[in-house]
Amino acid sequence: MAGKGFGKVTGLLAGVILLGSVAAVFLIQNFGSWGLGATWPAVVIAAGLCVAMVGYLELGLGVAGIFVIWLLCNLAVIPPVGKSWPFFLIWMAVMVVVGFIRGRSGRAAA
């Protein structure tokens, strides 16, 4: 799970994604029916995706996935967190499979 160095293009894309998500959260707060309390996980989702882009795929997708589930709970798309714990278990299983597949492909290339 070693990360690669930040390239200029990767750093620029990561910054655009993070800044865009912050702007989207504030636009939703100003013009939408949801407040900052319900939509702030979008910023953490973007940060997780940025980490995934830099080279830490499992960590970035894990963070982003957990906060996607939390955001969906806050927006009442899925049941509240207390009742939607199976979604977290499913996401953890997906991340274990991704890590296993990436580990196998890394050993095959070496």
N, C-alpha and C. Protein backbone atom coordinates (compact mmCIF):
# COMPACT_ATOMS: atom_id res chain seq x y z
N MET A 1 0.82 -1.18 0.00
CA MET A 1 0.00 0.00 0.00
C MET A 1 0.87 1.25 0.00
N ALA A 2 2.03 1.17 -0.62
CA ALA A 2 2.92 2.32 -0.67
C ALA A 2 2.38 3.36 -1.63
N GLY A 3 2.39 4.60 -1.19
CA GLY A 3 1.86 5.69 -2.02
C GLY A 3 2.91 6.20 -2.98
N LYS A 4 2.47 6.70 -4.07
CA LYS A 4 3.34 7.31 -5.05
C LYS A 4 3.45 8.79 -4.73
N GLY A 5 4.48 9.43 -5.24
CA GLY A 5 4.63 10.85 -5.02
C GLY A 5 3.54 11.65 -5.73
N PHE A 6 3.25 12.80 -5.18
CA PHE A 6 2.25 13.67 -5.78
C PHE A 6 2.79 14.21 -7.10
N GLY A 7 2.13 13.91 -8.20
CA GLY A 7 2.46 14.53 -9.47
C GLY A 7 1.70 15.83 -9.59
N LYS A 8 2.12 16.68 -10.49
CA LYS A 8 1.44 17.97 -10.64
C LYS A 8 -0.01 17.79 -11.07
N VAL A 9 -0.26 16.89 -12.00
CA VAL A 9 -1.62 16.68 -12.49
C VAL A 9 -2.48 16.05 -11.39
N THR A 10 -1.94 15.07 -10.68
CA THR A 10 -2.69 14.43 -9.60
C THR A 10 -3.01 15.43 -8.51
N GLY A 11 -2.04 16.24 -8.13
CA GLY A 11 -2.28 17.26 -7.11
C GLY A 11 -3.32 18.27 -7.55
N LEU A 12 -3.28 18.67 -8.81
CA LEU A 12 -4.26 19.62 -9.34
C LEU A 12 -5.66 19.01 -9.33
N LEU A 13 -5.78 17.77 -9.79
CA LEU A 13 -7.09 17.10 -9.78
C LEU A 13 -7.62 16.92 -8.36
N ALA A 14 -6.74 16.53 -7.44
CA ALA A 14 -7.16 16.36 -6.05
C ALA A 14 -7.65 17.69 -5.48
N GLY A 15 -6.95 18.76 -5.75
CA GLY A 15 -7.38 20.07 -5.27
C GLY A 15 -8.70 20.51 -5.87
N VAL A 16 -8.89 20.26 -7.15
CA VAL A 16 -10.15 20.62 -7.82
C VAL A 16 -11.31 19.83 -7.23
N ILE A 17 -11.11 18.54 -7.01
CA ILE A 17 -12.18 17.71 -6.43
C ILE A 17 -12.53 18.20 -5.03
N LEU A 18 -11.53 18.46 -4.21
CA LEU A 18 -11.79 18.90 -2.84
C LEU A 18 -12.44 20.27 -2.80
N LEU A 19 -11.94 21.20 -3.58
CA LEU A 19 -12.53 22.55 -3.62
C LEU A 19 -13.94 22.52 -4.20
N GLY A 20 -14.15 21.71 -5.22
CA GLY A 20 -15.49 21.58 -5.81
C GLY A 20 -16.49 21.01 -4.83
N SER A 21 -16.06 20.04 -4.02
CA SER A 21 -16.99 19.47 -3.05
C SER A 21 -17.33 20.47 -1.95
N VAL A 22 -16.36 21.26 -1.51
CA VAL A 22 -16.65 22.30 -0.51
C VAL A 22 -17.63 23.31 -1.09
N ALA A 23 -17.41 23.72 -2.33
CA ALA A 23 -18.32 24.67 -2.98
C ALA A 23 -19.71 24.08 -3.13
N ALA A 24 -19.79 22.80 -3.50
CA ALA A 24 -21.10 22.16 -3.66
C ALA A 24 -21.85 22.09 -2.34
N VAL A 25 -21.14 21.79 -1.26
CA VAL A 25 -21.79 21.73 0.06
C VAL A 25 -22.37 23.09 0.43
N PHE A 26 -21.62 24.15 0.20
CA PHE A 26 -22.12 25.48 0.54
C PHE A 26 -23.24 25.93 -0.40
N LEU A 27 -23.17 25.54 -1.66
CA LEU A 27 -24.28 25.86 -2.57
C LEU A 27 -25.55 25.14 -2.16
N ILE A 28 -25.43 23.88 -1.78
CA ILE A 28 -26.60 23.14 -1.31
C ILE A 28 -27.17 23.79 -0.06
N GLN A 29 -26.28 24.24 0.83
CA GLN A 29 -26.74 24.89 2.05
C GLN A 29 -27.48 26.19 1.74
N ASN A 30 -26.98 26.96 0.79
CA ASN A 30 -27.58 28.26 0.48
C ASN A 30 -28.85 28.15 -0.35
N PHE A 31 -28.89 27.21 -1.29
CA PHE A 31 -30.01 27.16 -2.23
C PHE A 31 -30.86 25.90 -2.12
N GLY A 32 -30.40 24.92 -1.39
CA GLY A 32 -31.13 23.66 -1.30
C GLY A 32 -31.93 23.55 -0.02
N SER A 33 -32.52 22.42 0.15
CA SER A 33 -33.34 22.19 1.34
C SER A 33 -32.55 21.51 2.46
N TRP A 34 -31.30 21.12 2.23
CA TRP A 34 -30.47 20.48 3.25
C TRP A 34 -29.45 21.46 3.78
N GLY A 35 -29.15 21.36 5.04
CA GLY A 35 -28.17 22.24 5.67
C GLY A 35 -26.79 21.62 5.70
N LEU A 36 -25.87 22.36 6.26
CA LEU A 36 -24.49 21.91 6.35
C LEU A 36 -24.37 20.66 7.22
N GLY A 37 -25.21 20.53 8.23
CA GLY A 37 -25.16 19.36 9.10
C GLY A 37 -25.43 18.06 8.39
N ALA A 38 -26.22 18.10 7.32
CA ALA A 38 -26.54 16.87 6.58
C ALA A 38 -25.58 16.60 5.45
N THR A 39 -24.91 17.61 4.93
CA THR A 39 -24.11 17.43 3.72
C THR A 39 -22.60 17.54 3.91
N TRP A 40 -22.13 17.80 5.14
CA TRP A 40 -20.69 17.94 5.32
C TRP A 40 -19.90 16.68 5.00
N PRO A 41 -20.46 15.46 5.11
CA PRO A 41 -19.66 14.29 4.73
C PRO A 41 -19.19 14.31 3.27
N ALA A 42 -19.81 15.11 2.43
CA ALA A 42 -19.36 15.19 1.03
C ALA A 42 -17.92 15.68 0.94
N VAL A 43 -17.52 16.55 1.85
CA VAL A 43 -16.13 17.04 1.85
C VAL A 43 -15.18 15.90 2.21
N VAL A 44 -15.56 15.08 3.18
CA VAL A 44 -14.71 13.96 3.57
C VAL A 44 -14.68 12.90 2.46
N ILE A 45 -15.79 12.73 1.76
CA ILE A 45 -15.82 11.82 0.62
C ILE A 45 -14.81 12.27 -0.43
N ALA A 46 -14.82 13.56 -0.72
CA ALA A 46 -13.86 14.09 -1.70
C ALA A 46 -12.43 13.92 -1.22
N ALA A 47 -12.18 14.11 0.06
CA ALA A 47 -10.83 13.91 0.59
C ALA A 47 -10.41 12.45 0.45
N GLY A 48 -11.34 11.53 0.70
CA GLY A 48 -11.04 10.10 0.52
C GLY A 48 -10.72 9.77 -0.93
N LEU A 49 -11.47 10.37 -1.86
CA LEU A 49 -11.19 10.13 -3.28
C LEU A 49 -9.84 10.71 -3.67
N CYS A 50 -9.48 11.84 -3.08
CA CYS A 50 -8.16 12.42 -3.36
C CYS A 50 -7.05 11.50 -2.87
N VAL A 51 -7.23 10.93 -1.69
CA VAL A 51 -6.24 9.98 -1.17
C VAL A 51 -6.15 8.76 -2.08
N ALA A 52 -7.29 8.31 -2.60
CA ALA A 52 -7.29 7.17 -3.51
C ALA A 52 -6.54 7.50 -4.80
N MET A 53 -6.69 8.73 -5.29
CA MET A 53 -6.01 9.14 -6.52
C MET A 53 -4.51 9.18 -6.34
N VAL A 54 -4.06 9.52 -5.14
CA VAL A 54 -2.63 9.67 -4.90
C VAL A 54 -1.92 8.32 -4.84
N GLY A 55 -2.63 7.25 -4.57
CA GLY A 55 -2.00 5.94 -4.58
C GLY A 55 -2.41 5.04 -3.44
N TYR A 56 -3.16 5.54 -2.48
CA TYR A 56 -3.63 4.74 -1.37
C TYR A 56 -5.07 4.34 -1.65
N LEU A 57 -5.27 3.44 -2.59
CA LEU A 57 -6.61 3.11 -3.08
C LEU A 57 -7.52 2.59 -1.98
N GLU A 58 -7.07 1.59 -1.23
CA GLU A 58 -7.93 1.00 -0.22
C GLU A 58 -8.31 2.01 0.86
N LEU A 59 -7.35 2.77 1.34
CA LEU A 59 -7.62 3.76 2.38
C LEU A 59 -8.58 4.84 1.87
N GLY A 60 -8.31 5.36 0.69
CA GLY A 60 -9.15 6.41 0.14
C GLY A 60 -10.57 5.95 -0.13
N LEU A 61 -10.71 4.77 -0.73
CA LEU A 61 -12.05 4.25 -1.01
C LEU A 61 -12.77 3.85 0.28
N GLY A 62 -12.04 3.39 1.26
CA GLY A 62 -12.65 3.05 2.54
C GLY A 62 -13.24 4.27 3.21
N VAL A 63 -12.46 5.35 3.27
CA VAL A 63 -12.95 6.60 3.88
C VAL A 63 -14.13 7.14 3.09
N ALA A 64 -13.98 7.20 1.77
CA ALA A 64 -15.05 7.75 0.94
C ALA A 64 -16.33 6.91 1.07
N GLY A 65 -16.20 5.60 1.08
CA GLY A 65 -17.37 4.73 1.17
C GLY A 65 -18.12 4.87 2.48
N ILE A 66 -17.39 4.94 3.59
CA ILE A 66 -18.04 5.10 4.88
C ILE A 66 -18.80 6.42 4.94
N PHE A 67 -18.21 7.48 4.42
CA PHE A 67 -18.89 8.77 4.47
C PHE A 67 -20.01 8.88 3.43
N VAL A 68 -19.94 8.11 2.35
CA VAL A 68 -21.08 8.06 1.41
C VAL A 68 -22.28 7.45 2.12
N ILE A 69 -22.04 6.37 2.85
CA ILE A 69 -23.14 5.75 3.60
C ILE A 69 -23.68 6.71 4.64
N TRP A 70 -22.79 7.41 5.35
CA TRP A 70 -23.21 8.37 6.36
C TRP A 70 -24.00 9.51 5.74
N LEU A 71 -23.55 10.00 4.59
CA LEU A 71 -24.25 11.07 3.89
C LEU A 71 -25.64 10.61 3.46
N LEU A 72 -25.74 9.42 2.94
CA LEU A 72 -27.05 8.90 2.53
C LEU A 72 -27.99 8.75 3.73
N CYS A 73 -27.43 8.39 4.88
CA CYS A 73 -28.26 8.33 6.09
C CYS A 73 -28.73 9.72 6.50
N ASN A 74 -27.84 10.71 6.45
CA ASN A 74 -28.20 12.08 6.83
C ASN A 74 -29.24 12.68 5.89
N LEU A 75 -29.19 12.30 4.62
CA LEU A 75 -30.14 12.83 3.65
C LEU A 75 -31.42 11.99 3.57
N ALA A 76 -31.55 11.00 4.44
CA ALA A 76 -32.72 10.13 4.53
C ALA A 76 -32.97 9.32 3.26
N VAL A 77 -31.90 9.00 2.53
CA VAL A 77 -32.01 8.14 1.35
C VAL A 77 -32.08 6.68 1.80
N ILE A 78 -31.30 6.34 2.81
CA ILE A 78 -31.33 5.02 3.42
C ILE A 78 -31.69 5.20 4.89
N PRO A 79 -32.02 4.13 5.61
CA PRO A 79 -32.41 4.26 7.02
C PRO A 79 -31.29 4.89 7.86
N PRO A 80 -31.62 5.38 9.05
CA PRO A 80 -30.60 5.98 9.93
C PRO A 80 -29.45 5.03 10.22
N VAL A 81 -28.35 5.59 10.70
CA VAL A 81 -27.12 4.82 10.90
C VAL A 81 -27.37 3.60 11.78
N GLY A 82 -28.19 3.72 12.80
CA GLY A 82 -28.45 2.59 13.69
C GLY A 82 -29.09 1.41 12.98
N LYS A 83 -29.84 1.67 11.92
CA LYS A 83 -30.50 0.58 11.20
C LYS A 83 -29.78 0.20 9.91
N SER A 84 -28.80 0.99 9.49
CA SER A 84 -28.14 0.71 8.22
C SER A 84 -26.74 0.13 8.41
N TRP A 85 -26.45 -0.46 9.57
CA TRP A 85 -25.13 -1.03 9.80
C TRP A 85 -24.77 -2.12 8.80
N PRO A 86 -25.74 -2.86 8.19
CA PRO A 86 -25.32 -3.84 7.19
C PRO A 86 -24.62 -3.21 5.99
N PHE A 87 -24.95 -1.96 5.66
CA PHE A 87 -24.25 -1.29 4.55
C PHE A 87 -22.77 -1.13 4.87
N PHE A 88 -22.45 -0.83 6.13
CA PHE A 88 -21.05 -0.70 6.53
C PHE A 88 -20.34 -2.05 6.43
N LEU A 89 -21.01 -3.12 6.82
CA LEU A 89 -20.41 -4.45 6.71
C LEU A 89 -20.17 -4.84 5.25
N ILE A 90 -21.12 -4.52 4.40
CA ILE A 90 -20.97 -4.81 2.97
C ILE A 90 -19.78 -4.03 2.41
N TRP A 91 -19.67 -2.76 2.80
CA TRP A 91 -18.56 -1.94 2.30
C TRP A 91 -17.23 -2.48 2.79
N MET A 92 -17.17 -2.93 4.05
CA MET A 92 -15.93 -3.51 4.56
C MET A 92 -15.57 -4.78 3.78
N ALA A 93 -16.56 -5.60 3.44
CA ALA A 93 -16.30 -6.81 2.66
C ALA A 93 -15.77 -6.45 1.27
N VAL A 94 -16.35 -5.43 0.65
CA VAL A 94 -15.88 -4.99 -0.67
C VAL A 94 -14.43 -4.53 -0.58
N MET A 95 -14.09 -3.80 0.46
CA MET A 95 -12.72 -3.31 0.61
C MET A 95 -11.74 -4.46 0.86
N VAL A 96 -12.16 -5.49 1.58
CA VAL A 96 -11.30 -6.66 1.78
C VAL A 96 -11.04 -7.34 0.45
N VAL A 97 -12.07 -7.48 -0.38
CA VAL A 97 -11.91 -8.11 -1.69
C VAL A 97 -10.99 -7.27 -2.58
N VAL A 98 -11.16 -5.95 -2.58
CA VAL A 98 -10.29 -5.07 -3.37
C VAL A 98 -8.85 -5.20 -2.91
N GLY A 99 -8.63 -5.20 -1.60
CA GLY A 99 -7.27 -5.36 -1.08
C GLY A 99 -6.66 -6.69 -1.46
N PHE A 100 -7.46 -7.76 -1.40
CA PHE A 100 -6.98 -9.08 -1.77
C PHE A 100 -6.60 -9.14 -3.24
N ILE A 101 -7.46 -8.61 -4.09
CA ILE A 101 -7.18 -8.62 -5.53
C ILE A 101 -5.94 -7.79 -5.86
N ARG A 102 -5.84 -6.62 -5.24
CA ARG A 102 -4.65 -5.78 -5.48
C ARG A 102 -3.39 -6.44 -4.97
N GLY A 103 -3.48 -7.14 -3.84
CA GLY A 103 -2.32 -7.84 -3.30
C GLY A 103 -1.87 -8.98 -4.21
N ARG A 104 -2.84 -9.70 -4.74
CA ARG A 104 -2.53 -10.81 -5.67
C ARG A 104 -1.92 -10.27 -6.95
N SER A 105 -2.43 -9.18 -7.47
CA SER A 105 -1.89 -8.64 -8.73
C SER A 105 -0.50 -8.06 -8.50
N GLY A 106 -0.25 -7.53 -7.30
CA GLY A 106 1.08 -7.00 -6.99
C GLY A 106 2.12 -8.09 -6.90
N ARG A 107 1.73 -9.24 -6.35
CA ARG A 107 2.67 -10.37 -6.26
C ARG A 107 2.91 -11.00 -7.62
N ALA A 108 1.91 -10.98 -8.47
CA ALA A 108 2.06 -11.57 -9.81
C ALA A 108 3.02 -10.74 -10.65
N ALA A 109 3.01 -9.41 -10.45
CA ALA A 109 3.87 -8.53 -11.24
C ALA A 109 5.32 -8.60 -10.76
N ALA A 110 5.54 -8.95 -9.48
CA ALA A 110 6.90 -8.96 -8.92
C ALA A 110 7.68 -10.17 -9.31
